[in-house]
Amino acid sequence: MALDKTRISLVDLATMEEADVIDYLLELAVELSEIALEAGKPQASALLTLAASNLRTGTGGA
């Protein structure tokens, strides 16, 4: 699977509503997780899945 989604620039991300940024990052994390799994990298896939889960629930904390 290739990353075929149109990339959003950092400038665009900075001007988007937070909910839209989170939606975009969730989509990207899911896609990257699938790619990692297909590449035989289950730990990387699990990490991306966990990060996406944290974004959904707001428990990402920095």
C-alpha atoms as a PDB file:
ATOM      1  CA  MET A   1       0.000   0.000   0.000  1.00  0.00           C
ATOM      2  CA  ALA A   2       1.305   3.400  -0.921  1.00  0.00           C
ATOM      3  CA  LEU A   3       0.582   6.687   0.748  1.00  0.00           C
ATOM      4  CA  ASP A   4      -1.674   8.108  -1.915  1.00  0.00           C
ATOM      5  CA  LYS A   5      -3.442  10.788   0.105  1.00  0.00           C
ATOM      6  CA  THR A   6      -2.728  14.390  -0.659  1.00  0.00           C
ATOM      7  CA  ARG A   7      -0.309  15.699   1.907  1.00  0.00           C
ATOM      8  CA  ILE A   8      -1.286  18.714   3.924  1.00  0.00           C
ATOM      9  CA  SER A   9       1.441  21.290   4.439  1.00  0.00           C
ATOM     10  CA  LEU A  10       2.447  22.464   7.890  1.00  0.00           C
ATOM     11  CA  VAL A  11       1.096  25.891   6.983  1.00  0.00           C
ATOM     12  CA  ASP A  12      -2.278  24.350   6.186  1.00  0.00           C
ATOM     13  CA  LEU A  13      -2.243  22.329   9.410  1.00  0.00           C
ATOM     14  CA  ALA A  14      -1.505  25.488  11.392  1.00  0.00           C
ATOM     15  CA  THR A  15      -4.578  27.207   9.995  1.00  0.00           C
ATOM     16  CA  MET A  16      -7.000  24.286  10.359  1.00  0.00           C
ATOM     17  CA  GLU A  17      -9.412  23.761  13.210  1.00  0.00           C
ATOM     18  CA  GLU A  18      -8.049  21.356  15.825  1.00  0.00           C
ATOM     19  CA  ALA A  19     -10.761  18.757  15.142  1.00  0.00           C
ATOM     20  CA  ASP A  20      -9.824  18.741  11.437  1.00  0.00           C
ATOM     21  CA  VAL A  21      -6.130  18.298  12.271  1.00  0.00           C
ATOM     22  CA  ILE A  22      -6.969  15.368  14.564  1.00  0.00           C
ATOM     23  CA  ASP A  23      -9.116  13.763  11.853  1.00  0.00           C
ATOM     24  CA  TYR A  24      -6.264  14.111   9.349  1.00  0.00           C
ATOM     25  CA  LEU A  25      -3.706  12.675  11.780  1.00  0.00           C
ATOM     26  CA  LEU A  26      -5.997   9.740  12.582  1.00  0.00           C
ATOM     27  CA  GLU A  27      -6.341   8.899   8.900  1.00  0.00           C
ATOM     28  CA  LEU A  28      -2.589   9.156   8.441  1.00  0.00           C
ATOM     29  CA  ALA A  29      -1.853   6.991  11.506  1.00  0.00           C
ATOM     30  CA  VAL A  30      -4.228   4.273  10.308  1.00  0.00           C
ATOM     31  CA  GLU A  31      -2.665   4.266   6.861  1.00  0.00           C
ATOM     32  CA  LEU A  32       0.889   4.169   8.251  1.00  0.00           C
ATOM     33  CA  SER A  33      -0.083   1.380  10.658  1.00  0.00           C
ATOM     34  CA  GLU A  34      -1.370  -0.733   7.772  1.00  0.00           C
ATOM     35  CA  ILE A  35       1.821  -0.104   5.814  1.00  0.00           C
ATOM     36  CA  ALA A  36       3.979  -1.062   8.796  1.00  0.00           C
ATOM     37  CA  LEU A  37       2.006  -4.280   9.275  1.00  0.00           C
ATOM     38  CA  GLU A  38       2.303  -5.177   5.596  1.00  0.00           C
ATOM     39  CA  ALA A  39       6.060  -4.525   5.835  1.00  0.00           C
ATOM     40  CA  GLY A  40       6.353  -7.035   8.677  1.00  0.00           C
ATOM     41  CA  LYS A  41       6.759  -4.417  11.401  1.00  0.00           C
ATOM     42  CA  PRO A  42       4.032  -5.355  13.913  1.00  0.00           C
ATOM     43  CA  GLN A  43       5.514  -3.319  16.772  1.00  0.00           C
ATOM     44  CA  ALA A  44       5.577  -0.160  14.658  1.00  0.00           C
ATOM     45  CA  SER A  45       2.014  -0.875  13.578  1.00  0.00           C
ATOM     46  CA  ALA A  46       0.928  -1.339  17.197  1.00  0.00           C
ATOM     47  CA  LEU A  47       2.616   1.915  18.217  1.00  0.00           C
ATOM     48  CA  LEU A  48       0.802   3.828  15.481  1.00  0.00           C
ATOM     49  CA  THR A  49      -2.486   2.186  16.463  1.00  0.00           C
ATOM     50  CA  LEU A  50      -1.913   3.199  20.083  1.00  0.00           C
ATOM     51  CA  ALA A  51      -1.125   6.769  19.065  1.00  0.00           C
ATOM     52  CA  ALA A  52      -4.315   6.918  16.996  1.00  0.00           C
ATOM     53  CA  SER A  53      -6.302   5.542  19.913  1.00  0.00           C
ATOM     54  CA  ASN A  54      -4.846   8.207  22.184  1.00  0.00           C
ATOM     55  CA  LEU A  55      -5.824  10.917  19.707  1.00  0.00           C
ATOM     56  CA  ARG A  56      -9.383   9.588  19.598  1.00  0.00           C
ATOM     57  CA  THR A  57      -9.732   9.544  23.383  1.00  0.00           C
ATOM     58  CA  GLY A  58      -7.689  12.661  24.101  1.00  0.00           C
ATOM     59  CA  THR A  59      -5.220  10.768  26.305  1.00  0.00           C
ATOM     60  CA  GLY A  60      -2.128  11.563  24.234  1.00  0.00           C
ATOM     61  CA  GLY A  61      -0.774  14.090  26.703  1.00  0.00           C
ATOM     62  CA  ALA A  62       2.457  15.933  26.023  1.00  0.00           C
END
